[in-house]
Amino acid sequence: MSLSVPLKQAGIRELASENYDAVRATINTGDLLFCSGTNLVSRVIQRVSGSPYSHVALVVRMRSIDRLLLLEAEWPFGVRVVPLSSYLKDWNGSGKPYPGHLLIARHAELDAREEEISTVFLSELVDILGHPYSLRRLLRLGLREIAELAGLRFGKLRANKSTVCSEYVFHAYSRLGIQIPWNHKGTILPLDIAAHRDVSLVCRIQ
């Protein structure tokens, strides 16, 4: 039976952690890495968005070289590729693990399509590799979350490839014909992806 991705901090903390080396072979192309950070920037994002997750990235398994890569839009680097293992050992060149919790999740439609989705995700990366992470867009997302508290509503933000992490995942999945709806505030956040009915938990890694 598949498990839902926790949508609250308490649920994340209650999950047992799996050793990355022990579960590495079970992680597939198209899987999602959800990050619940404990540093200042992550806590601000979580507070403003009302979400336990401050970041989401895509996994690509490169079988020819036995590597798991992450495709992500990350501040301040923009769209980039990094080894998944860097989050466990050397996050952003710090020499330390990512400060927070790391969860692997999977969309139900991707289980049997690895060869196809590897090509799509890698082409998506190459097409927009180096595009900037949009701090301006992140601020707009934050303002919408604050406006929501005041009962205000806005139309959906125009799709833009100068982007933030959750929109990057949305674009890549869309190329496979997988649509994850934007929320009623006209945005898509890591929480919206985590809460989708077809996304289930694989494991929490350390």
Protein backbone atom coordinates (compact mmCIF):
# COMPACT_ATOMS: atom_id res chain seq x y z
CA MET A 1 0.00 0.00 0.00
CA SER A 2 1.38 3.41 -0.97
CA LEU A 3 1.92 6.05 1.71
CA SER A 4 1.01 9.70 1.34
CA VAL A 5 3.73 12.32 1.57
CA PRO A 6 3.42 14.05 4.96
CA LEU A 7 1.99 17.55 4.71
CA LYS A 8 2.97 18.72 8.19
CA GLN A 9 6.31 19.01 10.01
CA ALA A 10 5.13 16.61 12.70
CA GLY A 11 4.44 13.93 10.09
CA ILE A 12 7.91 14.35 8.59
CA ARG A 13 9.59 14.02 11.97
CA GLU A 14 7.67 10.83 12.73
CA LEU A 15 9.03 9.05 9.63
CA ALA A 16 11.83 6.57 10.13
CA SER A 17 14.98 7.51 8.21
CA GLU A 18 16.56 5.11 5.74
CA ASN A 19 20.28 5.00 5.02
CA TYR A 20 20.83 6.44 1.54
CA ASP A 21 23.24 3.67 0.49
CA ALA A 22 20.68 1.04 1.52
CA VAL A 23 17.81 2.52 -0.54
CA ARG A 24 19.78 4.05 -3.41
CA ALA A 25 18.93 1.19 -5.81
CA THR A 26 15.19 1.76 -5.32
CA ILE A 27 15.25 5.42 -6.42
CA ASN A 28 14.10 5.92 -10.01
CA THR A 29 14.14 8.50 -12.77
CA GLY A 30 11.27 10.91 -12.27
CA ASP A 31 11.23 10.55 -8.49
CA LEU A 32 10.92 13.71 -6.45
CA LEU A 33 13.19 14.98 -3.69
CA PHE A 34 11.26 17.07 -1.16
CA CYS A 35 13.36 19.16 1.21
CA SER A 36 12.20 20.47 4.56
CA GLY A 37 15.02 22.78 5.53
CA THR A 38 15.96 24.11 8.94
CA ASN A 39 18.12 27.07 7.85
CA LEU A 40 16.82 30.64 7.91
CA VAL A 41 15.88 30.91 4.21
CA SER A 42 14.02 27.59 4.30
CA ARG A 43 12.13 28.54 7.46
CA VAL A 44 11.04 31.84 5.92
CA ILE A 45 9.78 30.03 2.80
CA GLN A 46 7.92 27.52 4.96
CA ARG A 47 6.38 30.21 7.13
CA VAL A 48 5.18 32.34 4.23
CA SER A 49 3.90 29.40 2.15
CA GLY A 50 2.36 27.47 5.03
CA SER A 51 4.25 24.40 3.84
CA PRO A 52 6.78 22.11 5.54
CA TYR A 53 8.68 21.90 2.23
CA SER A 54 11.03 24.63 1.06
CA HIS A 55 12.34 22.88 -2.08
CA VAL A 56 11.54 20.12 -4.59
CA ALA A 57 13.79 18.58 -7.27
CA LEU A 58 13.69 15.82 -9.89
CA VAL A 59 15.80 12.65 -9.88
CA VAL A 60 17.39 11.14 -13.00
CA ARG A 61 19.16 7.78 -12.74
CA MET A 62 22.12 7.57 -15.15
CA ARG A 63 22.59 3.82 -15.37
CA SER A 64 25.53 4.06 -17.77
CA ILE A 65 27.64 5.74 -15.09
CA ASP A 66 25.74 4.53 -12.00
CA ARG A 67 24.82 8.01 -10.81
CA LEU A 68 21.69 9.59 -9.37
CA LEU A 69 21.41 13.21 -10.45
CA LEU A 70 19.10 15.99 -9.33
CA LEU A 71 17.60 18.45 -11.79
CA GLU A 72 16.54 21.54 -9.92
CA ALA A 73 15.95 25.27 -9.89
CA GLU A 74 17.84 26.47 -6.84
CA TRP A 75 18.55 29.94 -5.45
CA PRO A 76 20.95 31.59 -6.32
CA PHE A 77 22.29 29.14 -8.94
CA GLY A 78 19.32 28.84 -11.29
CA VAL A 79 18.56 25.63 -13.17
CA ARG A 80 21.34 23.12 -12.54
CA VAL A 81 22.26 19.47 -12.14
CA VAL A 82 23.96 18.07 -9.01
CA PRO A 83 24.53 14.57 -7.62
CA LEU A 84 21.77 13.50 -5.25
CA SER A 85 24.53 12.35 -2.89
CA SER A 86 25.69 15.97 -2.52
CA TYR A 87 22.59 16.63 -0.40
CA LEU A 88 23.78 13.92 1.97
CA LYS A 89 27.46 14.88 2.10
CA ASP A 90 28.37 18.23 0.54
CA TRP A 91 25.31 20.43 0.06
CA ASN A 92 26.17 23.46 -2.08
CA GLY A 93 29.87 22.84 -1.48
CA SER A 94 29.53 23.36 2.27
CA GLY A 95 31.18 20.06 3.20
CA LYS A 96 28.06 19.31 5.27
CA PRO A 97 24.73 17.54 4.65
CA TYR A 98 21.61 19.49 3.75
CA PRO A 99 20.29 21.15 6.92
CA GLY A 100 16.90 19.49 7.23
CA HIS A 101 14.81 16.50 6.21
CA LEU A 102 14.96 14.81 2.78
CA LEU A 103 12.08 12.74 1.40
CA ILE A 104 11.87 10.76 -1.83
CA ALA A 105 8.44 10.49 -3.47
CA ARG A 106 7.10 9.02 -6.71
CA HIS A 107 4.36 9.85 -9.19
CA ALA A 108 2.28 6.79 -10.02
CA GLU A 109 2.42 7.32 -13.80
CA LEU A 110 6.22 7.13 -14.00
CA ASP A 111 6.93 3.61 -12.72
CA ALA A 112 7.13 1.89 -16.13
CA ARG A 113 8.41 4.72 -18.33
CA GLU A 114 12.05 5.14 -17.27
CA GLU A 115 13.71 5.24 -20.69
CA GLU A 116 11.18 7.72 -22.07
CA ILE A 117 11.20 10.01 -19.05
CA SER A 118 15.00 10.05 -18.81
CA THR A 119 15.12 11.51 -22.30
CA VAL A 120 12.39 14.05 -21.55
CA PHE A 121 13.89 15.21 -18.26
CA LEU A 122 17.40 15.49 -19.67
CA SER A 123 16.13 17.48 -22.65
CA GLU A 124 14.18 19.70 -20.27
CA LEU A 125 17.38 20.31 -18.33
CA VAL A 126 19.45 21.08 -21.43
CA ASP A 127 16.75 23.37 -22.83
CA ILE A 128 16.75 25.64 -19.79
CA LEU A 129 20.09 24.83 -18.12
CA GLY A 130 21.46 27.97 -16.54
CA HIS A 131 18.17 29.86 -16.61
CA PRO A 132 18.02 32.09 -13.54
CA TYR A 133 16.14 31.29 -10.40
CA SER A 134 13.57 34.07 -10.25
CA LEU A 135 13.82 35.81 -6.89
CA ARG A 136 11.26 38.33 -8.14
CA ARG A 137 8.86 35.48 -8.84
CA LEU A 138 9.51 33.96 -5.42
CA LEU A 139 8.62 37.30 -3.83
CA ARG A 140 5.41 37.41 -5.89
CA LEU A 141 4.53 33.94 -4.63
CA GLY A 142 5.15 35.10 -1.08
CA LEU A 143 2.98 38.18 -1.52
CA ARG A 144 0.16 36.01 -2.82
CA GLU A 145 0.40 33.82 0.25
CA ILE A 146 0.20 36.89 2.49
CA ALA A 147 -2.70 38.31 0.47
CA GLU A 148 -4.51 34.99 0.91
CA LEU A 149 -4.56 35.63 4.66
CA ALA A 150 -6.41 38.86 3.95
CA GLY A 151 -8.97 37.06 1.79
CA LEU A 152 -7.69 38.43 -1.53
CA ARG A 153 -7.63 36.35 -4.73
CA PHE A 154 -5.56 36.59 -7.89
CA GLY A 155 -5.55 34.95 -11.30
CA LYS A 156 -3.03 32.24 -12.16
CA LEU A 157 0.52 33.47 -12.67
CA ARG A 158 1.67 33.27 -16.27
CA ALA A 159 3.94 30.27 -16.87
CA ASN A 160 7.53 31.41 -16.95
CA LYS A 161 10.74 29.41 -17.38
CA SER A 162 12.75 31.91 -15.40
CA THR A 163 11.42 29.98 -12.54
CA VAL A 164 11.28 28.56 -9.04
CA CYS A 165 11.72 24.92 -8.03
CA SER A 166 8.11 23.77 -8.06
CA GLU A 167 7.39 25.40 -11.43
CA TYR A 168 10.45 23.66 -12.86
CA VAL A 169 9.01 20.29 -11.80
CA PHE A 170 5.63 21.30 -13.23
CA HIS A 171 7.20 22.12 -16.64
CA ALA A 172 9.14 18.84 -16.77
CA TYR A 173 6.11 16.73 -15.82
CA SER A 174 3.95 18.62 -18.31
CA ARG A 175 6.22 17.47 -21.13
CA LEU A 176 5.20 13.92 -20.22
CA GLY A 177 1.53 14.82 -20.28
CA ILE A 178 1.31 14.77 -16.48
CA GLN A 179 -0.57 17.75 -15.11
CA ILE A 180 -0.43 18.72 -11.45
CA PRO A 181 -3.02 21.46 -10.87
CA TRP A 182 -2.03 24.85 -9.59
CA ASN A 183 -3.68 25.89 -6.34
CA HIS A 184 -6.57 28.32 -5.95
CA LYS A 185 -4.10 31.16 -5.37
CA GLY A 186 -2.82 30.79 -8.92
CA THR A 187 0.54 29.28 -7.93
CA ILE A 188 2.14 25.88 -7.57
CA LEU A 189 4.31 25.16 -4.53
CA PRO A 190 6.21 22.06 -3.35
CA LEU A 191 3.28 21.35 -1.03
CA ASP A 192 0.85 21.21 -3.97
CA ILE A 193 3.02 18.57 -5.66
CA ALA A 194 3.44 16.60 -2.42
CA ALA A 195 -0.33 16.63 -1.82
CA HIS A 196 -1.27 15.35 -5.29
CA ARG A 197 -3.22 12.09 -5.17
CA ASP A 198 -0.79 10.32 -7.54
CA VAL A 199 2.35 11.23 -5.56
CA SER A 200 3.33 8.79 -2.81
CA LEU A 201 6.15 8.50 -0.35
CA VAL A 202 9.12 6.23 -1.12
CA CYS A 203 11.29 6.94 1.90
CA ARG A 204 12.98 9.53 4.07
CA ILE A 205 16.73 9.41 3.52
CA GLN A 206 19.75 10.33 5.59
